[in-house]
Amino acid sequence: MANSTLVILELENNTIGPNGAQALSEALKTNSTLTTLLLGANSIGNNGAQALSEALKTNSTLTTLNLWGNDIGDSGAQALSEALKTNSTLTTLVLENNSIGDNGAQALFEALKTNSTLTTLNLWGNSIGDNGAQVLSEALKTNSTLNTLNLWGNSIGNDGAQALSEALKTNSTLNTLHLGANSIGNNGAQALSEALKTNSTLTTLNLATRSETTEVWRYEALKINSTLTTLNLYYNSIGPNGA
C-alpha cells in the first residue's frame, strides 16, 4: 500500500475472503496513513482475521477496524486478542455477528487488562455467555480506557449480569453499556440497579428485550445515581408495579 494520502478504506460486502485479507495485512505492515478500515461481510474467516492480527502488531496508524459479519470464530478472536496486547493505536474494534463464543471472548477480555487505547468494543450478536461476561468483569475492574461496550444478544444470563454489576461498582471509564436481547432475569436486573447506586460514569444502559419481567427493577437507584442519562427498558413487561 504505497499510497500516502488514503485514510479511510471501505470494502464492505465485497467477498474479499481470507486471501484478500492476507493481501491487506501485508499492506498494513508498511502503510503509515490509513486510519479506518471497514471490512464487514467479506467472508474473511478465522484465517483472514489471523492475518490482519499480525499486521496490527506492527501497524501504528489504524484507529478503527470494522470486521462485522465475517465468521472469524473463536480462533480469529484469539488472534486479535494477541494483537491488542501490543497494538497502541486502535481505538474502535467492531466484531458484530462473528460466531465468537466464550473462548474467543475470554481471550479478548484478557487483552483488555493490558491494552490502553481501545475505547469502543462492539460484540453484538455473538455468544460470549456468562463465562465470557465473568472474565470481562475482571477486566473492567482494571481497564481504564474502554468507554463503549456493546454486548447485545450474547446469551448473557443472571450470573453474567451479576458479575458485570460488580465491575460497574469500581470501573470509572465505561459510559455506554448495551445488554439488550440477552437472558438477564430479575436477579441480574436487580444487581445492575444496585451497581447504579455507586457507579458514577455510566450514562447509557440498554436492557431492551429481556426474557423476564422487570417488576423487581429498583428505581430507587435512579434517585441516587447522578450520571445515567439514558435507560432503555423496551419490551421488558415491567407492568404497573414496575412503572
C-alpha atoms as a PDB file:
ATOM      1  CA  MET A   1       0.000   0.000   0.000  1.00  0.00           C
ATOM      2  CA  ALA A   2       2.301   2.694  -1.321  1.00  0.00           C
ATOM      3  CA  ASN A   3      -0.448   5.341  -1.335  1.00  0.00           C
ATOM      4  CA  SER A   4       0.423   8.142   1.090  1.00  0.00           C
ATOM      5  CA  THR A   5      -2.895  10.006   1.278  1.00  0.00           C
ATOM      6  CA  LEU A   6      -5.661   7.402   1.822  1.00  0.00           C
ATOM      7  CA  VAL A   7      -7.020   7.485   5.362  1.00  0.00           C
ATOM      8  CA  ILE A   8     -10.362   5.615   5.013  1.00  0.00           C
ATOM      9  CA  LEU A   9     -10.861   2.375   3.072  1.00  0.00           C
ATOM     10  CA  GLU A  10     -14.359   0.848   2.849  1.00  0.00           C
ATOM     11  CA  LEU A  11     -14.596  -2.607   1.313  1.00  0.00           C
ATOM     12  CA  GLU A  12     -17.743  -3.943   2.952  1.00  0.00           C
ATOM     13  CA  ASN A  13     -19.804  -6.626   1.147  1.00  0.00           C
ATOM     14  CA  ASN A  14     -17.132  -7.452  -1.423  1.00  0.00           C
ATOM     15  CA  THR A  15     -16.319 -11.073  -0.526  1.00  0.00           C
ATOM     16  CA  ILE A  16     -12.569 -10.460  -0.463  1.00  0.00           C
ATOM     17  CA  GLY A  17     -12.153 -13.673   1.537  1.00  0.00           C
ATOM     18  CA  PRO A  18      -9.095 -14.733   3.528  1.00  0.00           C
ATOM     19  CA  ASN A  19      -6.764 -14.192   0.562  1.00  0.00           C
ATOM     20  CA  GLY A  20      -7.848 -10.580   0.228  1.00  0.00           C
ATOM     21  CA  ALA A  21      -7.419 -10.091   3.967  1.00  0.00           C
ATOM     22  CA  GLN A  22      -3.939 -11.570   3.712  1.00  0.00           C
ATOM     23  CA  ALA A  23      -3.025  -9.072   0.989  1.00  0.00           C
ATOM     24  CA  LEU A  24      -4.378  -6.190   3.081  1.00  0.00           C
ATOM     25  CA  SER A  25      -2.396  -7.434   6.031  1.00  0.00           C
ATOM     26  CA  GLU A  26       0.864  -7.202   4.119  1.00  0.00           C
ATOM     27  CA  ALA A  27      -0.004  -3.672   3.012  1.00  0.00           C
ATOM     28  CA  LEU A  28      -0.885  -2.575   6.547  1.00  0.00           C
ATOM     29  CA  LYS A  29       2.543  -3.609   7.791  1.00  0.00           C
ATOM     30  CA  THR A  30       4.122  -0.752   5.828  1.00  0.00           C
ATOM     31  CA  ASN A  31       1.272   1.737   5.319  1.00  0.00           C
ATOM     32  CA  SER A  32       1.510   4.833   7.506  1.00  0.00           C
ATOM     33  CA  THR A  33      -1.623   6.838   6.649  1.00  0.00           C
ATOM     34  CA  LEU A  34      -4.728   4.611   6.795  1.00  0.00           C
ATOM     35  CA  THR A  35      -6.765   5.194   9.957  1.00  0.00           C
ATOM     36  CA  THR A  36     -10.093   3.466   9.177  1.00  0.00           C
ATOM     37  CA  LEU A  37     -10.613   0.045   7.596  1.00  0.00           C
ATOM     38  CA  LEU A  38     -14.159  -1.249   7.036  1.00  0.00           C
ATOM     39  CA  LEU A  39     -14.302  -4.913   6.050  1.00  0.00           C
ATOM     40  CA  GLY A  40     -17.778  -6.016   7.086  1.00  0.00           C
ATOM     41  CA  ALA A  41     -19.390  -9.030   5.368  1.00  0.00           C
ATOM     42  CA  ASN A  42     -16.325 -10.144   3.450  1.00  0.00           C
ATOM     43  CA  SER A  43     -16.089 -13.818   4.420  1.00  0.00           C
ATOM     44  CA  ILE A  44     -12.526 -13.418   5.678  1.00  0.00           C
ATOM     45  CA  GLY A  45     -12.995 -16.172   8.288  1.00  0.00           C
ATOM     46  CA  ASN A  46     -10.534 -17.023  11.016  1.00  0.00           C
ATOM     47  CA  ASN A  47      -7.576 -17.148   8.603  1.00  0.00           C
ATOM     48  CA  GLY A  48      -8.238 -13.621   7.410  1.00  0.00           C
ATOM     49  CA  ALA A  49      -8.605 -12.394  10.975  1.00  0.00           C
ATOM     50  CA  GLN A  50      -5.324 -14.030  11.923  1.00  0.00           C
ATOM     51  CA  ALA A  51      -3.548 -12.336   9.019  1.00  0.00           C
ATOM     52  CA  LEU A  52      -4.932  -8.912   9.961  1.00  0.00           C
ATOM     53  CA  SER A  53      -3.955  -9.528  13.571  1.00  0.00           C
ATOM     54  CA  GLU A  54      -0.322  -9.930  12.542  1.00  0.00           C
ATOM     55  CA  ALA A  55      -0.467  -6.552  10.821  1.00  0.00           C
ATOM     56  CA  LEU A  56      -1.961  -4.915  13.915  1.00  0.00           C
ATOM     57  CA  LYS A  57       1.100  -5.904  15.902  1.00  0.00           C
ATOM     58  CA  THR A  58       3.246  -3.509  13.861  1.00  0.00           C
ATOM     59  CA  ASN A  59       0.841  -1.019  12.254  1.00  0.00           C
ATOM     60  CA  SER A  60       0.891   2.333  14.053  1.00  0.00           C
ATOM     61  CA  THR A  61      -1.820   4.395  12.338  1.00  0.00           C
ATOM     62  CA  LEU A  62      -5.041   2.357  12.137  1.00  0.00           C
ATOM     63  CA  THR A  63      -7.562   3.517  14.734  1.00  0.00           C
ATOM     64  CA  THR A  64     -10.803   1.858  13.531  1.00  0.00           C
ATOM     65  CA  LEU A  65     -11.253  -1.731  12.352  1.00  0.00           C
ATOM     66  CA  ASN A  66     -14.725  -2.998  11.470  1.00  0.00           C
ATOM     67  CA  LEU A  67     -14.997  -6.751  10.831  1.00  0.00           C
ATOM     68  CA  TRP A  68     -18.734  -7.328  11.311  1.00  0.00           C
ATOM     69  CA  GLY A  69     -20.238 -10.472   9.806  1.00  0.00           C
ATOM     70  CA  ASN A  70     -17.039 -12.285   8.856  1.00  0.00           C
ATOM     71  CA  ASP A  71     -17.393 -15.521  10.815  1.00  0.00           C
ATOM     72  CA  ILE A  72     -13.949 -15.178  12.387  1.00  0.00           C
ATOM     73  CA  GLY A  73     -14.918 -17.507  15.244  1.00  0.00           C
ATOM     74  CA  ASP A  74     -13.012 -18.135  18.454  1.00  0.00           C
ATOM     75  CA  SER A  75      -9.648 -18.648  16.751  1.00  0.00           C
ATOM     76  CA  GLY A  76      -9.939 -15.336  14.905  1.00  0.00           C
ATOM     77  CA  ALA A  77     -10.893 -13.559  18.119  1.00  0.00           C
ATOM     78  CA  GLN A  78      -7.980 -15.153  19.943  1.00  0.00           C
ATOM     79  CA  ALA A  79      -5.574 -13.918  17.261  1.00  0.00           C
ATOM     80  CA  LEU A  80      -6.965 -10.408  17.565  1.00  0.00           C
ATOM     81  CA  SER A  81      -6.575 -10.568  21.330  1.00  0.00           C
ATOM     82  CA  GLU A  82      -2.849 -11.197  20.944  1.00  0.00           C
ATOM     83  CA  ALA A  83      -2.583  -8.153  18.676  1.00  0.00           C
ATOM     84  CA  LEU A  84      -4.441  -5.990  21.204  1.00  0.00           C
ATOM     85  CA  LYS A  85      -1.811  -6.759  23.826  1.00  0.00           C
ATOM     86  CA  THR A  86       0.827  -4.878  21.813  1.00  0.00           C
ATOM     87  CA  ASN A  87      -1.103  -2.561  19.483  1.00  0.00           C
ATOM     88  CA  SER A  88      -1.118   1.026  20.740  1.00  0.00           C
ATOM     89  CA  THR A  89      -3.271   2.896  18.204  1.00  0.00           C
ATOM     90  CA  LEU A  90      -6.560   1.008  17.649  1.00  0.00           C
ATOM     91  CA  THR A  91      -9.442   2.718  19.442  1.00  0.00           C
ATOM     92  CA  THR A  92     -12.505   1.080  17.836  1.00  0.00           C
ATOM     93  CA  LEU A  93     -12.988  -2.629  17.135  1.00  0.00           C
ATOM     94  CA  VAL A  94     -16.286  -3.895  15.699  1.00  0.00           C
ATOM     95  CA  LEU A  95     -16.836  -7.659  15.755  1.00  0.00           C
ATOM     96  CA  GLU A  96     -20.613  -7.962  15.340  1.00  0.00           C
ATOM     97  CA  ASN A  97     -22.023 -11.316  14.244  1.00  0.00           C
ATOM     98  CA  ASN A  98     -18.764 -13.244  14.109  1.00  0.00           C
ATOM     99  CA  SER A  99     -19.631 -16.558  15.764  1.00  0.00           C
ATOM    100  CA  ILE A 100     -17.425 -15.718  18.738  1.00  0.00           C
ATOM    101  CA  GLY A 101     -18.087 -17.966  21.744  1.00  0.00           C
ATOM    102  CA  ASP A 102     -16.900 -17.707  25.327  1.00  0.00           C
ATOM    103  CA  ASN A 103     -13.358 -18.910  24.478  1.00  0.00           C
ATOM    104  CA  GLY A 104     -12.772 -16.182  21.930  1.00  0.00           C
ATOM    105  CA  ALA A 105     -14.458 -13.607  24.128  1.00  0.00           C
ATOM    106  CA  GLN A 106     -12.376 -14.573  27.157  1.00  0.00           C
ATOM    107  CA  ALA A 107      -9.194 -14.088  25.131  1.00  0.00           C
ATOM    108  CA  LEU A 108     -10.334 -10.636  24.010  1.00  0.00           C
ATOM    109  CA  PHE A 109     -11.244  -9.649  27.542  1.00  0.00           C
ATOM    110  CA  GLU A 110      -7.901 -10.818  28.924  1.00  0.00           C
ATOM    111  CA  ALA A 111      -6.269  -8.451  26.434  1.00  0.00           C
ATOM    112  CA  LEU A 112      -8.313  -5.570  27.857  1.00  0.00           C
ATOM    113  CA  LYS A 113      -6.361  -5.916  31.098  1.00  0.00           C
ATOM    114  CA  THR A 114      -3.222  -4.638  29.361  1.00  0.00           C
ATOM    115  CA  ASN A 115      -4.490  -2.731  26.308  1.00  0.00           C
ATOM    116  CA  SER A 116      -4.531   1.005  26.964  1.00  0.00           C
ATOM    117  CA  THR A 117      -6.001   2.510  23.768  1.00  0.00           C
ATOM    118  CA  LEU A 118      -9.237   0.694  22.840  1.00  0.00           C
ATOM    119  CA  THR A 119     -12.259   2.834  23.705  1.00  0.00           C
ATOM    120  CA  THR A 120     -15.046   1.045  21.784  1.00  0.00           C
ATOM    121  CA  LEU A 121     -15.652  -2.706  21.558  1.00  0.00           C
ATOM    122  CA  ASN A 122     -18.709  -3.988  19.701  1.00  0.00           C
ATOM    123  CA  LEU A 123     -19.520  -7.693  20.125  1.00  0.00           C
ATOM    124  CA  TRP A 124     -23.186  -7.517  19.122  1.00  0.00           C
ATOM    125  CA  GLY A 125     -24.725 -10.853  18.193  1.00  0.00           C
ATOM    126  CA  ASN A 126     -22.058 -13.272  19.392  1.00  0.00           C
ATOM    127  CA  SER A 127     -22.263 -15.895  22.142  1.00  0.00           C
ATOM    128  CA  ILE A 128     -19.944 -14.850  24.956  1.00  0.00           C
ATOM    129  CA  GLY A 129     -22.297 -16.275  27.609  1.00  0.00           C
ATOM    130  CA  ASP A 130     -21.951 -15.995  31.376  1.00  0.00           C
ATOM    131  CA  ASN A 131     -18.375 -17.285  31.366  1.00  0.00           C
ATOM    132  CA  GLY A 132     -17.287 -14.588  28.963  1.00  0.00           C
ATOM    133  CA  ALA A 133     -19.126 -11.940  30.960  1.00  0.00           C
ATOM    134  CA  GLN A 134     -17.374 -13.029  34.150  1.00  0.00           C
ATOM    135  CA  VAL A 135     -13.943 -12.699  32.534  1.00  0.00           C
ATOM    136  CA  LEU A 136     -14.994  -9.323  31.141  1.00  0.00           C
ATOM    137  CA  SER A 137     -15.993  -8.242  34.628  1.00  0.00           C
ATOM    138  CA  GLU A 138     -12.478  -8.855  35.921  1.00  0.00           C
ATOM    139  CA  ALA A 139     -11.005  -6.925  33.006  1.00  0.00           C
ATOM    140  CA  LEU A 140     -13.296  -3.947  33.587  1.00  0.00           C
ATOM    141  CA  LYS A 141     -12.077  -3.679  37.162  1.00  0.00           C
ATOM    142  CA  THR A 142      -8.619  -2.720  35.877  1.00  0.00           C
ATOM    143  CA  ASN A 143      -9.171  -1.384  32.338  1.00  0.00           C
ATOM    144  CA  SER A 144      -9.074   2.419  32.254  1.00  0.00           C
ATOM    145  CA  THR A 145      -9.793   3.285  28.613  1.00  0.00           C
ATOM    146  CA  LEU A 146     -12.888   1.429  27.358  1.00  0.00           C
ATOM    147  CA  ASN A 147     -15.935   3.699  27.350  1.00  0.00           C
ATOM    148  CA  THR A 148     -18.378   1.946  24.981  1.00  0.00           C
ATOM    149  CA  LEU A 149     -19.241  -1.750  25.168  1.00  0.00           C
ATOM    150  CA  ASN A 150     -21.928  -3.436  23.057  1.00  0.00           C
ATOM    151  CA  LEU A 151     -22.934  -6.922  24.222  1.00  0.00           C
ATOM    152  CA  TRP A 152     -26.399  -7.034  22.617  1.00  0.00           C
ATOM    153  CA  GLY A 153     -27.623 -10.591  22.043  1.00  0.00           C
ATOM    154  CA  ASN A 154     -24.797 -12.560  23.655  1.00  0.00           C
ATOM    155  CA  SER A 155     -26.577 -15.224  25.720  1.00  0.00           C
ATOM    156  CA  ILE A 156     -25.706 -13.488  28.985  1.00  0.00           C
ATOM    157  CA  GLY A 157     -27.829 -14.601  31.919  1.00  0.00           C
ATOM    158  CA  ASN A 158     -28.171 -13.613  35.560  1.00  0.00           C
ATOM    159  CA  ASP A 159     -24.704 -14.823  36.524  1.00  0.00           C
ATOM    160  CA  GLY A 160     -23.061 -12.763  33.808  1.00  0.00           C
ATOM    161  CA  ALA A 161     -25.111  -9.681  34.657  1.00  0.00           C
ATOM    162  CA  GLN A 162     -24.242 -10.005  38.333  1.00  0.00           C
ATOM    163  CA  ALA A 163     -20.550 -10.257  37.506  1.00  0.00           C
ATOM    164  CA  LEU A 164     -20.706  -7.183  35.289  1.00  0.00           C
ATOM    165  CA  SER A 165     -22.567  -5.342  38.046  1.00  0.00           C
ATOM    166  CA  GLU A 166     -19.655  -5.917  40.422  1.00  0.00           C
ATOM    167  CA  ALA A 167     -17.301  -4.384  37.870  1.00  0.00           C
ATOM    168  CA  LEU A 168     -19.552  -1.355  37.432  1.00  0.00           C
ATOM    169  CA  LYS A 169     -19.175  -0.577  41.114  1.00  0.00           C
ATOM    170  CA  THR A 170     -15.477   0.206  40.624  1.00  0.00           C
ATOM    171  CA  ASN A 171     -14.994   0.909  36.910  1.00  0.00           C
ATOM    172  CA  SER A 172     -14.570   4.630  36.262  1.00  0.00           C
ATOM    173  CA  THR A 173     -14.408   4.918  32.462  1.00  0.00           C
ATOM    174  CA  LEU A 174     -17.297   2.971  30.887  1.00  0.00           C
ATOM    175  CA  ASN A 175     -20.136   5.300  29.926  1.00  0.00           C
ATOM    176  CA  THR A 176     -22.193   3.189  27.471  1.00  0.00           C
ATOM    177  CA  LEU A 177     -23.242  -0.425  28.022  1.00  0.00           C
ATOM    178  CA  HIS A 178     -25.610  -2.355  25.734  1.00  0.00           C
ATOM    179  CA  LEU A 179     -27.023  -5.547  27.277  1.00  0.00           C
ATOM    180  CA  GLY A 180     -30.262  -5.856  25.331  1.00  0.00           C
ATOM    181  CA  ALA A 181     -31.594  -9.149  23.929  1.00  0.00           C
ATOM    182  CA  ASN A 182     -29.794 -11.288  26.492  1.00  0.00           C
ATOM    183  CA  SER A 183     -31.271 -13.676  29.063  1.00  0.00           C
ATOM    184  CA  ILE A 184     -30.958 -11.400  32.059  1.00  0.00           C
ATOM    185  CA  GLY A 185     -33.687 -12.141  34.570  1.00  0.00           C
ATOM    186  CA  ASN A 186     -34.821 -10.290  37.655  1.00  0.00           C
ATOM    187  CA  ASN A 187     -31.757 -11.238  39.714  1.00  0.00           C
ATOM    188  CA  GLY A 188     -29.437  -9.802  37.079  1.00  0.00           C
ATOM    189  CA  ALA A 189     -31.550  -6.669  36.693  1.00  0.00           C
ATOM    190  CA  GLN A 190     -31.563  -6.147  40.440  1.00  0.00           C
ATOM    191  CA  ALA A 191     -27.777  -6.489  40.584  1.00  0.00           C
ATOM    192  CA  LEU A 192     -27.398  -3.898  37.843  1.00  0.00           C
ATOM    193  CA  SER A 193     -29.708  -1.499  39.656  1.00  0.00           C
ATOM    194  CA  GLU A 194     -27.614  -1.882  42.817  1.00  0.00           C
ATOM    195  CA  ALA A 195     -24.470  -1.074  40.825  1.00  0.00           C
ATOM    196  CA  LEU A 196     -26.068   2.148  39.607  1.00  0.00           C
ATOM    197  CA  LYS A 197     -26.229   3.388  43.177  1.00  0.00           C
ATOM    198  CA  THR A 198     -22.443   3.687  43.315  1.00  0.00           C
ATOM    199  CA  ASN A 199     -21.349   3.906  39.665  1.00  0.00           C
ATOM    200  CA  SER A 200     -20.505   7.494  38.690  1.00  0.00           C
ATOM    201  CA  THR A 201     -19.616   7.270  34.992  1.00  0.00           C
ATOM    202  CA  LEU A 202     -22.244   5.224  33.128  1.00  0.00           C
ATOM    203  CA  THR A 203     -24.533   7.472  31.090  1.00  0.00           C
ATOM    204  CA  THR A 204     -26.305   4.917  28.852  1.00  0.00           C
ATOM    205  CA  LEU A 205     -27.623   1.484  29.846  1.00  0.00           C
ATOM    206  CA  ASN A 206     -29.600  -0.599  27.351  1.00  0.00           C
ATOM    207  CA  LEU A 207     -31.565  -3.561  28.737  1.00  0.00           C
ATOM    208  CA  ALA A 208     -34.135  -3.803  25.934  1.00  0.00           C
ATOM    209  CA  THR A 209     -35.990  -7.063  25.146  1.00  0.00           C
ATOM    210  CA  ARG A 210     -35.057  -9.068  28.192  1.00  0.00           C
ATOM    211  CA  SER A 211     -36.568 -12.514  28.651  1.00  0.00           C
ATOM    212  CA  GLU A 212     -38.180 -11.907  32.043  1.00  0.00           C
ATOM    213  CA  THR A 213     -40.399  -9.276  33.623  1.00  0.00           C
ATOM    214  CA  THR A 214     -38.652  -6.355  35.303  1.00  0.00           C
ATOM    215  CA  GLU A 215     -41.043  -5.909  38.208  1.00  0.00           C
ATOM    216  CA  VAL A 216     -38.026  -6.122  40.500  1.00  0.00           C
ATOM    217  CA  TRP A 217     -36.155  -3.253  38.861  1.00  0.00           C
ATOM    218  CA  ARG A 218     -35.122  -0.918  41.655  1.00  0.00           C
ATOM    219  CA  TYR A 219     -35.969   2.601  40.546  1.00  0.00           C
ATOM    220  CA  GLU A 220     -34.630   3.730  43.910  1.00  0.00           C
ATOM    221  CA  ALA A 221     -31.233   3.510  42.276  1.00  0.00           C
ATOM    222  CA  LEU A 222     -32.188   6.333  39.934  1.00  0.00           C
ATOM    223  CA  LYS A 223     -32.878   8.538  42.934  1.00  0.00           C
ATOM    224  CA  ILE A 224     -29.248   8.143  43.977  1.00  0.00           C
ATOM    225  CA  ASN A 225     -27.442   7.818  40.648  1.00  0.00           C
ATOM    226  CA  SER A 226     -26.410  11.190  39.227  1.00  0.00           C
ATOM    227  CA  THR A 227     -24.875  10.295  35.865  1.00  0.00           C
ATOM    228  CA  LEU A 228     -27.249   8.000  33.931  1.00  0.00           C
ATOM    229  CA  THR A 229     -28.982   9.933  31.152  1.00  0.00           C
ATOM    230  CA  THR A 230     -30.414   7.077  29.040  1.00  0.00           C
ATOM    231  CA  LEU A 231     -32.073   3.880  30.290  1.00  0.00           C
ATOM    232  CA  ASN A 232     -33.656   1.583  27.697  1.00  0.00           C
ATOM    233  CA  LEU A 233     -36.140  -0.943  29.139  1.00  0.00           C
ATOM    234  CA  TYR A 234     -38.035  -1.522  25.885  1.00  0.00           C
ATOM    235  CA  TYR A 235     -40.103  -4.718  25.839  1.00  0.00           C
ATOM    236  CA  ASN A 236     -39.420  -5.623  29.460  1.00  0.00           C
ATOM    237  CA  SER A 237     -43.008  -6.221  30.649  1.00  0.00           C
ATOM    238  CA  ILE A 238     -42.403  -4.017  33.668  1.00  0.00           C
ATOM    239  CA  GLY A 239     -46.139  -3.790  34.430  1.00  0.00           C
ATOM    240  CA  PRO A 240     -47.910  -1.200  36.607  1.00  0.00           C
ATOM    241  CA  ASN A 241     -45.952  -2.084  39.741  1.00  0.00           C
ATOM    242  CA  GLY A 242     -42.610  -1.758  37.988  1.00  0.00           C
ATOM    243  CA  ALA A 243     -43.611   1.570  36.461  1.00  0.00           C
END
